[in-house]
PDB file of all heavy atoms in Angstrom:
ATOM      1  N   MET A   1      13.983   6.335   0.826  1.00  0.00           N
ATOM      2  CA  MET A   1      13.281   6.296   2.143  1.00  0.00           C
ATOM      3  C   MET A   1      13.864   7.434   3.005  1.00  0.00           C
ATOM      4  O   MET A   1      15.044   7.558   3.259  1.00  0.00           O
ATOM      5  CB  MET A   1      13.533   4.978   2.835  1.00  0.00           C
ATOM      6  CG  MET A   1      12.721   3.816   2.202  1.00  0.00           C
ATOM      7  SD  MET A   1      13.121   2.210   2.900  1.00  0.00           S
ATOM      8  CE  MET A   1      14.535   1.753   1.872  1.00  0.00           C
ATOM      9  N   GLY A   2      12.948   8.339   3.459  1.00  0.00           N
ATOM     10  CA  GLY A   2      13.341   9.434   4.326  1.00  0.00           C
ATOM     11  C   GLY A   2      12.803   9.229   5.731  1.00  0.00           C
ATOM     12  O   GLY A   2      11.976   8.348   5.953  1.00  0.00           O
ATOM     13  N   MET A   3      13.220  10.051   6.634  1.00  0.00           N
ATOM     14  CA  MET A   3      12.698   9.937   8.001  1.00  0.00           C
ATOM     15  C   MET A   3      12.994  11.199   8.806  1.00  0.00           C
ATOM     16  O   MET A   3      13.864  11.987   8.464  1.00  0.00           O
ATOM     17  CB  MET A   3      13.359   8.711   8.718  1.00  0.00           C
ATOM     18  CG  MET A   3      14.853   8.753   8.833  1.00  0.00           C
ATOM     19  SD  MET A   3      15.413   9.520  10.364  1.00  0.00           S
ATOM     20  CE  MET A   3      17.104   9.865  10.024  1.00  0.00           C
ATOM     21  N   ASN A   4      12.215  11.390   9.865  1.00  0.00           N
ATOM     22  CA  ASN A   4      12.408  12.444  10.827  1.00  0.00           C
ATOM     23  C   ASN A   4      12.660  11.919  12.234  1.00  0.00           C
ATOM     24  O   ASN A   4      13.227  12.590  13.062  1.00  0.00           O
ATOM     25  CB  ASN A   4      11.211  13.386  10.868  1.00  0.00           C
ATOM     26  CG  ASN A   4      10.962  14.099   9.592  1.00  0.00           C
ATOM     27  OD1 ASN A   4      11.891  14.670   9.025  1.00  0.00           O
ATOM     28  ND2 ASN A   4       9.746  14.108   9.111  1.00  0.00           N
ATOM     29  N   HIS A   5      12.275  10.692  12.477  1.00  0.00           N
ATOM     30  CA  HIS A   5      12.312  10.111  13.835  1.00  0.00           C
ATOM     31  C   HIS A   5      12.746   8.644  13.758  1.00  0.00           C
ATOM     32  O   HIS A   5      12.706   8.004  12.737  1.00  0.00           O
ATOM     33  CB  HIS A   5      10.937  10.181  14.511  1.00  0.00           C
ATOM     34  CG  HIS A   5      10.434  11.562  14.710  1.00  0.00           C
ATOM     35  ND1 HIS A   5       9.698  12.247  13.730  1.00  0.00           N
ATOM     36  CD2 HIS A   5      10.488  12.427  15.777  1.00  0.00           C
ATOM     37  CE1 HIS A   5       9.405  13.464  14.176  1.00  0.00           C
ATOM     38  NE2 HIS A   5       9.837  13.572  15.413  1.00  0.00           N
ATOM     39  N   PHE A   6      13.169   8.135  14.923  1.00  0.00           N
ATOM     40  CA  PHE A   6      13.488   6.756  15.039  1.00  0.00           C
ATOM     41  C   PHE A   6      12.259   5.918  14.644  1.00  0.00           C
ATOM     42  O   PHE A   6      11.143   6.265  14.954  1.00  0.00           O
ATOM     43  CB  PHE A   6      13.925   6.408  16.468  1.00  0.00           C
ATOM     44  CG  PHE A   6      15.274   6.922  16.896  1.00  0.00           C
ATOM     45  CD1 PHE A   6      15.382   7.928  17.841  1.00  0.00           C
ATOM     46  CD2 PHE A   6      16.425   6.501  16.249  1.00  0.00           C
ATOM     47  CE1 PHE A   6      16.625   8.411  18.235  1.00  0.00           C
ATOM     48  CE2 PHE A   6      17.663   6.995  16.606  1.00  0.00           C
ATOM     49  CZ  PHE A   6      17.767   7.982  17.568  1.00  0.00           C
ATOM     50  N   GLY A   7      12.554   4.767  14.029  1.00  0.00           N
ATOM     51  CA  GLY A   7      11.481   3.795  13.696  1.00  0.00           C
ATOM     52  C   GLY A   7      10.906   3.928  12.342  1.00  0.00           C
ATOM     53  O   GLY A   7      10.325   3.007  11.779  1.00  0.00           O
ATOM     54  N   GLU A   8      11.024   5.139  11.745  1.00  0.00           N
ATOM     55  CA  GLU A   8      10.417   5.325  10.440  1.00  0.00           C
ATOM     56  C   GLU A   8      11.079   4.519   9.335  1.00  0.00           C
ATOM     57  O   GLU A   8      10.384   3.868   8.521  1.00  0.00           O
ATOM     58  CB  GLU A   8      10.430   6.819  10.067  1.00  0.00           C
ATOM     59  CG  GLU A   8       9.455   7.620  10.930  1.00  0.00           C
ATOM     60  CD  GLU A   8       9.546   9.107  10.643  1.00  0.00           C
ATOM     61  OE1 GLU A   8      10.580   9.735  10.911  1.00  0.00           O
ATOM     62  OE2 GLU A   8       8.575   9.686  10.152  1.00  0.00           O
ATOM     63  N   ILE A   9      12.423   4.532   9.287  1.00  0.00           N
ATOM     64  CA  ILE A   9      13.128   3.728   8.306  1.00  0.00           C
ATOM     65  C   ILE A   9      12.812   2.241   8.523  1.00  0.00           C
ATOM     66  O   ILE A   9      12.626   1.465   7.542  1.00  0.00           O
ATOM     67  CB  ILE A   9      14.619   3.971   8.314  1.00  0.00           C
ATOM     68  CG1 ILE A   9      14.937   5.444   7.861  1.00  0.00           C
ATOM     69  CG2 ILE A   9      15.369   3.001   7.396  1.00  0.00           C
ATOM     70  CD1 ILE A   9      14.668   5.738   6.442  1.00  0.00           C
ATOM     71  N   SER A  10      12.750   1.842   9.770  1.00  0.00           N
ATOM     72  CA  SER A  10      12.464   0.454  10.072  1.00  0.00           C
ATOM     73  C   SER A  10      11.107   0.019   9.478  1.00  0.00           C
ATOM     74  O   SER A  10      10.973  -0.997   8.808  1.00  0.00           O
ATOM     75  CB  SER A  10      12.370   0.237  11.598  1.00  0.00           C
ATOM     76  OG  SER A  10      11.953  -1.070  11.941  1.00  0.00           O
ATOM     77  N   ARG A  11      10.094   0.869   9.679  1.00  0.00           N
ATOM     78  CA  ARG A  11       8.747   0.522   9.158  1.00  0.00           C
ATOM     79  C   ARG A  11       8.716   0.501   7.628  1.00  0.00           C
ATOM     80  O   ARG A  11       8.067  -0.341   7.004  1.00  0.00           O
ATOM     81  CB  ARG A  11       7.728   1.488   9.723  1.00  0.00           C
ATOM     82  CG  ARG A  11       7.498   1.349  11.218  1.00  0.00           C
ATOM     83  CD  ARG A  11       6.294   2.162  11.708  1.00  0.00           C
ATOM     84  NE  ARG A  11       6.572   3.569  11.664  1.00  0.00           N
ATOM     85  CZ  ARG A  11       7.085   4.263  12.698  1.00  0.00           C
ATOM     86  NH1 ARG A  11       7.496   3.623  13.813  1.00  0.00           N
ATOM     87  NH2 ARG A  11       7.264   5.568  12.623  1.00  0.00           N
ATOM     88  N   LEU A  12       9.507   1.425   7.012  1.00  0.00           N
ATOM     89  CA  LEU A  12       9.524   1.499   5.551  1.00  0.00           C
ATOM     90  C   LEU A  12      10.258   0.307   4.949  1.00  0.00           C
ATOM     91  O   LEU A  12       9.812  -0.313   3.996  1.00  0.00           O
ATOM     92  CB  LEU A  12      10.160   2.819   5.116  1.00  0.00           C
ATOM     93  CG  LEU A  12       9.369   4.093   5.391  1.00  0.00           C
ATOM     94  CD1 LEU A  12      10.178   5.330   5.042  1.00  0.00           C
ATOM     95  CD2 LEU A  12       8.035   4.102   4.635  1.00  0.00           C
ATOM     96  N   THR A  13      11.461   0.044   5.456  1.00  0.00           N
ATOM     97  CA  THR A  13      12.299  -0.970   4.853  1.00  0.00           C
ATOM     98  C   THR A  13      11.680  -2.351   4.984  1.00  0.00           C
ATOM     99  O   THR A  13      11.865  -3.227   4.110  1.00  0.00           O
ATOM    100  CB  THR A  13      13.754  -0.966   5.410  1.00  0.00           C
ATOM    101  OG1 THR A  13      14.580  -1.802   4.686  1.00  0.00           O
ATOM    102  CG2 THR A  13      13.747  -1.392   6.898  1.00  0.00           C
ATOM    103  N   ARG A  14      10.924  -2.606   6.035  1.00  0.00           N
ATOM    104  CA  ARG A  14      10.276  -3.870   6.202  1.00  0.00           C
ATOM    105  C   ARG A  14       9.195  -4.160   5.107  1.00  0.00           C
ATOM    106  O   ARG A  14       8.842  -5.267   4.820  1.00  0.00           O
ATOM    107  CB  ARG A  14       9.613  -3.951   7.579  1.00  0.00           C
ATOM    108  CG  ARG A  14      10.612  -4.079   8.715  1.00  0.00           C
ATOM    109  CD  ARG A  14       9.966  -4.051  10.045  1.00  0.00           C
ATOM    110  NE  ARG A  14      10.935  -4.056  11.188  1.00  0.00           N
ATOM    111  CZ  ARG A  14      11.441  -5.176  11.675  1.00  0.00           C
ATOM    112  NH1 ARG A  14      11.072  -6.356  11.233  1.00  0.00           N
ATOM    113  NH2 ARG A  14      12.318  -5.085  12.670  1.00  0.00           N
ATOM    114  N   GLN A  15       8.685  -3.059   4.552  1.00  0.00           N
ATOM    115  CA  GLN A  15       7.702  -3.208   3.447  1.00  0.00           C
ATOM    116  C   GLN A  15       8.391  -3.210   2.082  1.00  0.00           C
ATOM    117  O   GLN A  15       8.040  -3.977   1.179  1.00  0.00           O
ATOM    118  CB  GLN A  15       6.668  -2.040   3.519  1.00  0.00           C
ATOM    119  CG  GLN A  15       6.099  -1.816   4.876  1.00  0.00           C
ATOM    120  CD  GLN A  15       5.536  -3.071   5.544  1.00  0.00           C
ATOM    121  OE1 GLN A  15       4.961  -3.945   4.887  1.00  0.00           O
ATOM    122  NE2 GLN A  15       5.776  -3.209   6.857  1.00  0.00           N
ATOM    123  N   VAL A  16       9.410  -2.362   1.942  1.00  0.00           N
ATOM    124  CA  VAL A  16      10.132  -2.269   0.682  1.00  0.00           C
ATOM    125  C   VAL A  16      10.951  -3.555   0.399  1.00  0.00           C
ATOM    126  O   VAL A  16      11.045  -4.032  -0.701  1.00  0.00           O
ATOM    127  CB  VAL A  16      11.090  -1.055   0.693  1.00  0.00           C
ATOM    128  CG1 VAL A  16      11.968  -1.050  -0.564  1.00  0.00           C
ATOM    129  CG2 VAL A  16      10.268   0.217   0.746  1.00  0.00           C
ATOM    130  N   ARG A  17      11.536  -4.107   1.445  1.00  0.00           N
ATOM    131  CA  ARG A  17      12.393  -5.294   1.405  1.00  0.00           C
ATOM    132  C   ARG A  17      13.400  -5.220   0.260  1.00  0.00           C
ATOM    133  O   ARG A  17      13.382  -5.964  -0.742  1.00  0.00           O
ATOM    134  CB  ARG A  17      11.496  -6.564   1.211  1.00  0.00           C
ATOM    135  CG  ARG A  17      10.727  -6.919   2.461  1.00  0.00           C
ATOM    136  CD  ARG A  17       9.798  -8.073   2.246  1.00  0.00           C
ATOM    137  NE  ARG A  17       8.443  -7.672   2.600  1.00  0.00           N
ATOM    138  CZ  ARG A  17       7.410  -8.516   2.491  1.00  0.00           C
ATOM    139  NH1 ARG A  17       7.538  -9.725   2.029  1.00  0.00           N
ATOM    140  NH2 ARG A  17       6.198  -8.095   2.853  1.00  0.00           N
ATOM    141  N   PRO A  18      14.320  -4.239   0.370  1.00  0.00           N
ATOM    142  CA  PRO A  18      15.286  -4.056  -0.724  1.00  0.00           C
ATOM    143  C   PRO A  18      16.210  -5.232  -0.902  1.00  0.00           C
ATOM    144  O   PRO A  18      16.552  -5.947   0.063  1.00  0.00           O
ATOM    145  CB  PRO A  18      16.055  -2.783  -0.303  1.00  0.00           C
ATOM    146  CG  PRO A  18      15.867  -2.720   1.201  1.00  0.00           C
ATOM    147  CD  PRO A  18      14.508  -3.301   1.469  1.00  0.00           C
ATOM    148  N   THR A  19      16.660  -5.462  -2.134  1.00  0.00           N
ATOM    149  CA  THR A  19      17.662  -6.492  -2.408  1.00  0.00           C
ATOM    150  C   THR A  19      19.033  -5.868  -2.462  1.00  0.00           C
ATOM    151  O   THR A  19      20.036  -6.608  -2.368  1.00  0.00           O
ATOM    152  CB  THR A  19      17.390  -7.199  -3.772  1.00  0.00           C
ATOM    153  OG1 THR A  19      17.355  -6.194  -4.815  1.00  0.00           O
ATOM    154  CG2 THR A  19      15.988  -7.863  -3.763  1.00  0.00           C
ATOM    155  N   VAL A  20      19.109  -4.540  -2.572  1.00  0.00           N
ATOM    156  CA  VAL A  20      20.373  -3.771  -2.436  1.00  0.00           C
ATOM    157  C   VAL A  20      20.054  -2.582  -1.539  1.00  0.00           C
ATOM    158  O   VAL A  20      19.097  -1.852  -1.778  1.00  0.00           O
ATOM    159  CB  VAL A  20      20.878  -3.293  -3.800  1.00  0.00           C
ATOM    160  CG1 VAL A  20      22.131  -2.421  -3.619  1.00  0.00           C
ATOM    161  CG2 VAL A  20      21.180  -4.448  -4.721  1.00  0.00           C
ATOM    162  N   GLY A  21      20.854  -2.403  -0.521  1.00  0.00           N
ATOM    163  CA  GLY A  21      20.711  -1.274   0.385  1.00  0.00           C
ATOM    164  C   GLY A  21      21.762  -0.248   0.130  1.00  0.00           C
ATOM    165  O   GLY A  21      22.899  -0.549  -0.265  1.00  0.00           O
ATOM    166  N   MET A  22      21.453   1.030   0.442  1.00  0.00           N
ATOM    167  CA  MET A  22      22.395   2.110   0.209  1.00  0.00           C
ATOM    168  C   MET A  22      22.183   3.209   1.262  1.00  0.00           C
ATOM    169  O   MET A  22      21.045   3.615   1.478  1.00  0.00           O
ATOM    170  CB  MET A  22      22.221   2.689  -1.224  1.00  0.00           C
ATOM    171  CG  MET A  22      23.218   3.735  -1.589  1.00  0.00           C
ATOM    172  SD  MET A  22      22.751   4.543  -3.196  1.00  0.00           S
ATOM    173  CE  MET A  22      22.886   3.150  -4.293  1.00  0.00           C
ATOM    174  N   ILE A  23      23.256   3.668   1.828  1.00  0.00           N
ATOM    175  CA  ILE A  23      23.242   4.871   2.728  1.00  0.00           C
ATOM    176  C   ILE A  23      24.236   5.871   2.157  1.00  0.00           C
ATOM    177  O   ILE A  23      25.413   5.617   2.156  1.00  0.00           O
ATOM    178  CB  ILE A  23      23.591   4.492   4.182  1.00  0.00           C
ATOM    179  CG1 ILE A  23      22.655   3.364   4.678  1.00  0.00           C
ATOM    180  CG2 ILE A  23      23.437   5.708   5.086  1.00  0.00           C
ATOM    181  CD1 ILE A  23      22.960   2.888   6.094  1.00  0.00           C
ATOM    182  N   THR A  24      23.734   7.038   1.739  1.00  0.00           N
ATOM    183  CA  THR A  24      24.574   7.987   1.058  1.00  0.00           C
ATOM    184  C   THR A  24      25.560   8.635   2.011  1.00  0.00           C
ATOM    185  O   THR A  24      26.726   8.862   1.649  1.00  0.00           O
ATOM    186  CB  THR A  24      23.742   9.085   0.379  1.00  0.00           C
ATOM    187  OG1 THR A  24      22.924   9.756   1.401  1.00  0.00           O
ATOM    188  CG2 THR A  24      22.838   8.467  -0.664  1.00  0.00           C
ATOM    189  N   ASN A  25      25.155   8.991   3.232  1.00  0.00           N
ATOM    190  CA  ASN A  25      26.028   9.651   4.197  1.00  0.00           C
ATOM    191  C   ASN A  25      25.255   9.884   5.496  1.00  0.00           C
ATOM    192  O   ASN A  25      24.028   9.665   5.553  1.00  0.00           O
ATOM    193  CB  ASN A  25      26.527  11.010   3.659  1.00  0.00           C
ATOM    194  CG  ASN A  25      25.378  11.838   3.069  1.00  0.00           C
ATOM    195  OD1 ASN A  25      24.406  12.065   3.720  1.00  0.00           O
ATOM    196  ND2 ASN A  25      25.558  12.239   1.807  1.00  0.00           N
ATOM    197  N   ILE A  26      25.973  10.269   6.498  1.00  0.00           N
ATOM    198  CA  ILE A  26      25.378  10.649   7.819  1.00  0.00           C
ATOM    199  C   ILE A  26      25.804  12.052   8.102  1.00  0.00           C
ATOM    200  O   ILE A  26      26.963  12.353   8.311  1.00  0.00           O
ATOM    201  CB  ILE A  26      25.830   9.705   8.935  1.00  0.00           C
ATOM    202  CG1 ILE A  26      25.473   8.219   8.583  1.00  0.00           C
ATOM    203  CG2 ILE A  26      25.207  10.141  10.244  1.00  0.00           C
ATOM    204  CD1 ILE A  26      24.015   7.968   8.485  1.00  0.00           C
ATOM    205  N   GLY A  27      24.823  12.982   8.120  1.00  0.00           N
ATOM    206  CA  GLY A  27      25.127  14.353   8.399  1.00  0.00           C
ATOM    207  C   GLY A  27      24.406  14.805   9.692  1.00  0.00           C
ATOM    208  O   GLY A  27      24.423  14.059  10.697  1.00  0.00           O
ATOM    209  N   VAL A  28      23.743  15.932   9.617  1.00  0.00           N
ATOM    210  CA  VAL A  28      23.040  16.460  10.781  1.00  0.00           C
ATOM    211  C   VAL A  28      21.563  16.711  10.509  1.00  0.00           C
ATOM    212  O   VAL A  28      20.883  17.294  11.362  1.00  0.00           O
ATOM    213  CB  VAL A  28      23.722  17.731  11.369  1.00  0.00           C
ATOM    214  CG1 VAL A  28      25.118  17.390  11.834  1.00  0.00           C
ATOM    215  CG2 VAL A  28      23.754  18.836  10.341  1.00  0.00           C
ATOM    216  N   SER A  29      21.049  16.354   9.318  1.00  0.00           N
ATOM    217  CA  SER A  29      19.616  16.595   9.062  1.00  0.00           C
ATOM    218  C   SER A  29      18.789  15.832  10.087  1.00  0.00           C
ATOM    219  O   SER A  29      19.036  14.698  10.422  1.00  0.00           O
ATOM    220  CB  SER A  29      19.289  16.056   7.653  1.00  0.00           C
ATOM    221  OG  SER A  29      20.027  16.743   6.648  1.00  0.00           O
ATOM    222  N   HIS A  30      17.772  16.545  10.665  1.00  0.00           N
ATOM    223  CA  HIS A  30      16.840  16.026  11.658  1.00  0.00           C
ATOM    224  C   HIS A  30      17.537  15.732  12.964  1.00  0.00           C
ATOM    225  O   HIS A  30      17.009  15.007  13.824  1.00  0.00           O
ATOM    226  CB  HIS A  30      16.155  14.781  11.133  1.00  0.00           C
ATOM    227  CG  HIS A  30      15.542  14.945   9.774  1.00  0.00           C
ATOM    228  ND1 HIS A  30      14.635  15.928   9.483  1.00  0.00           N
ATOM    229  CD2 HIS A  30      15.786  14.297   8.616  1.00  0.00           C
ATOM    230  CE1 HIS A  30      14.312  15.876   8.205  1.00  0.00           C
ATOM    231  NE2 HIS A  30      14.991  14.881   7.665  1.00  0.00           N
ATOM    232  N   ILE A  31      18.705  16.369  13.233  1.00  0.00           N
ATOM    233  CA  ILE A  31      19.366  16.202  14.515  1.00  0.00           C
ATOM    234  C   ILE A  31      18.497  16.661  15.651  1.00  0.00           C
ATOM    235  O   ILE A  31      18.649  16.212  16.805  1.00  0.00           O
ATOM    236  CB  ILE A  31      20.760  16.846  14.495  1.00  0.00           C
ATOM    237  CG1 ILE A  31      21.637  16.279  15.623  1.00  0.00           C
ATOM    238  CG2 ILE A  31      20.632  18.375  14.619  1.00  0.00           C
ATOM    239  CD1 ILE A  31      23.098  16.695  15.520  1.00  0.00           C
ATOM    240  N   GLU A  32      17.577  17.597  15.338  1.00  0.00           N
ATOM    241  CA  GLU A  32      16.662  18.129  16.375  1.00  0.00           C
ATOM    242  C   GLU A  32      15.894  17.001  16.966  1.00  0.00           C
ATOM    243  O   GLU A  32      15.602  16.997  18.160  1.00  0.00           O
ATOM    244  CB  GLU A  32      15.761  19.175  15.741  1.00  0.00           C
ATOM    245  CG  GLU A  32      14.806  19.816  16.721  1.00  0.00           C
ATOM    246  CD  GLU A  32      13.959  20.898  16.078  1.00  0.00           C
ATOM    247  OE1 GLU A  32      13.987  21.001  14.801  1.00  0.00           O
ATOM    248  OE2 GLU A  32      13.293  21.660  16.801  1.00  0.00           O
TER     249      GLU A  32
END
């Protein structure tokens, strides 16, 4: 799941409904 703005991951994950979640890292992509 990718995103550029707030709310996008929320809308995606509510449909995917993962049984295991993963966040690789927090960098500066899309900081703009």
